[in-house]
C-alpha atoms as a PDB file:
ATOM      1  CA  MET A   1       1.950  -1.061   1.786  1.00  0.00           C
ATOM      2  CA  THR A   2       2.744  -3.831   0.353  1.00  0.00           C
ATOM      3  CA  SER A   3       1.605  -5.283  -3.250  1.00  0.00           C
ATOM      4  CA  TRP A   4       2.395  -8.669  -5.056  1.00  0.00           C
ATOM      5  CA  LYS A   5       2.266  -9.731  -8.904  1.00  0.00           C
ATOM      6  CA  LEU A   6       0.564 -12.985  -9.427  1.00  0.00           C
ATOM      7  CA  PRO A   7       1.110 -14.967 -12.675  1.00  0.00           C
ATOM      8  CA  SER A   8      -1.949 -14.965 -14.787  1.00  0.00           C
ATOM      9  CA  VAL A   9      -4.038 -18.162 -14.213  1.00  0.00           C
ATOM     10  CA  SER A  10      -7.323 -19.074 -14.282  1.00  0.00           C
ATOM     11  CA  SER A  11      -9.235 -18.406 -10.773  1.00  0.00           C
ATOM     12  CA  SER A  12     -10.185 -22.000 -11.120  1.00  0.00           C
ATOM     13  CA  THR A  13      -6.414 -23.353 -10.545  1.00  0.00           C
ATOM     14  CA  VAL A  14      -5.581 -21.267  -7.651  1.00  0.00           C
ATOM     15  CA  GLU A  15      -6.418 -22.086  -4.028  1.00  0.00           C
ATOM     16  CA  THR A  16      -6.069 -19.611  -1.273  1.00  0.00           C
ATOM     17  CA  HIS A  17      -6.324 -20.299   2.610  1.00  0.00           C
ATOM     18  CA  LEU A  18      -6.218 -17.351   4.758  1.00  0.00           C
ATOM     19  CA  GLU A  19      -6.572 -17.166   8.695  1.00  0.00           C
ATOM     20  CA  VAL A  20      -6.360 -13.743  10.542  1.00  0.00           C
ATOM     21  CA  ALA A  21      -6.662 -13.502  14.425  1.00  0.00           C
ATOM     22  CA  VAL A  22      -6.246  -9.987  15.693  1.00  0.00           C
ATOM     23  CA  ASN A  23      -5.983 -10.189  19.406  1.00  0.00           C
ATOM     24  CA  GLU A  24      -6.345  -6.558  20.549  1.00  0.00           C
ATOM     25  CA  VAL A  25      -7.105  -3.352  18.727  1.00  0.00           C
ATOM     26  CA  VAL A  26      -6.453  -0.076  21.163  1.00  0.00           C
ATOM     27  CA  SER A  27      -6.530   3.529  20.828  1.00  0.00           C
ATOM     28  CA  GLY A  28      -4.613   4.870  23.680  1.00  0.00           C
ATOM     29  CA  THR A  29      -5.859   3.034  26.921  1.00  0.00           C
ATOM     30  CA  ASP A  30      -9.151   2.145  24.939  1.00  0.00           C
ATOM     31  CA  ARG A  31      -9.918  -1.552  23.947  1.00  0.00           C
ATOM     32  CA  LEU A  32     -11.788  -0.969  20.604  1.00  0.00           C
ATOM     33  CA  GLY A  33     -12.009  -4.900  19.522  1.00  0.00           C
ATOM     34  CA  SER A  34     -10.546  -8.111  18.436  1.00  0.00           C
ATOM     35  CA  GLY A  35     -11.284 -10.720  15.682  1.00  0.00           C
ATOM     36  CA  THR A  36     -10.875 -13.505  13.388  1.00  0.00           C
ATOM     37  CA  LEU A  37     -11.196 -14.570   9.952  1.00  0.00           C
ATOM     38  CA  LYS A  38     -11.018 -17.884   7.909  1.00  0.00           C
ATOM     39  CA  PHE A  39     -11.378 -17.376   4.292  1.00  0.00           C
ATOM     40  CA  ASN A  40     -10.762 -19.896   1.514  1.00  0.00           C
ATOM     41  CA  ASN A  41     -10.889 -19.902  -2.348  1.00  0.00           C
ATOM     42  CA  VAL A  42     -11.252 -22.935  -4.196  1.00  0.00           C
ATOM     43  CA  GLY A  43     -12.144 -23.579  -7.648  1.00  0.00           C
ATOM     44  CA  GLY A  44     -13.478 -19.901  -8.012  1.00  0.00           C
ATOM     45  CA  LYS A  45     -15.820 -20.376  -5.045  1.00  0.00           C
ATOM     46  CA  ASN A  46     -15.107 -17.381  -1.999  1.00  0.00           C
ATOM     47  CA  THR A  47     -16.105 -19.073   1.242  1.00  0.00           C
ATOM     48  CA  ILE A  48     -15.849 -16.972   4.729  1.00  0.00           C
ATOM     49  CA  GLU A  49     -15.338 -20.216   6.563  1.00  0.00           C
ATOM     50  CA  SER A  50     -15.959 -17.690   9.973  1.00  0.00           C
ATOM     51  CA  MET A  51     -15.343 -14.395  10.987  1.00  0.00           C
ATOM     52  CA  ARG A  52     -16.056 -12.957  14.256  1.00  0.00           C
ATOM     53  CA  ILE A  53     -15.519  -9.236  14.959  1.00  0.00           C
ATOM     54  CA  GLU A  54     -15.696  -8.389  18.587  1.00  0.00           C
ATOM     55  CA  VAL A  55     -16.206  -4.682  20.322  1.00  0.00           C
ATOM     56  CA  PRO A  56     -17.028  -3.445  23.685  1.00  0.00           C
ATOM     57  CA  GLY A  57     -20.982  -4.221  24.202  1.00  0.00           C
ATOM     58  CA  GLY A  58     -21.026  -7.106  21.645  1.00  0.00           C
ATOM     59  CA  TYR A  59     -19.967  -9.126  18.696  1.00  0.00           C
ATOM     60  CA  VAL A  60     -20.870 -10.055  15.153  1.00  0.00           C
ATOM     61  CA  ASP A  61     -20.354 -13.607  13.688  1.00  0.00           C
ATOM     62  CA  MET A  62     -20.493 -14.432   9.896  1.00  0.00           C
ATOM     63  CA  ASP A  63     -20.038 -16.723   7.514  1.00  0.00           C
ATOM     64  CA  GLY A  64     -20.748 -17.284   3.886  1.00  0.00           C
ATOM     65  CA  PHE A  65     -19.691 -17.648   0.292  1.00  0.00           C
ATOM     66  CA  TYR A  66     -19.771 -16.110  -3.190  1.00  0.00           C
ATOM     67  CA  GLN A  67     -18.610 -17.256  -6.548  1.00  0.00           C
END
């Protein structure tokens, strides 16, 4: 487990841009899924630009924001 200590700053002064891609999740020879995530925090507004989770038999797409 990794932990980071960030300086104390107002959330409106920090911008975060995160992109994650998981090509394949397996258990033994079983393929469990894959997925992608694009997340931003700008001006205190958290935005999921896109999120896709793929599993055998289907997928889930999601986007949204919260402050």
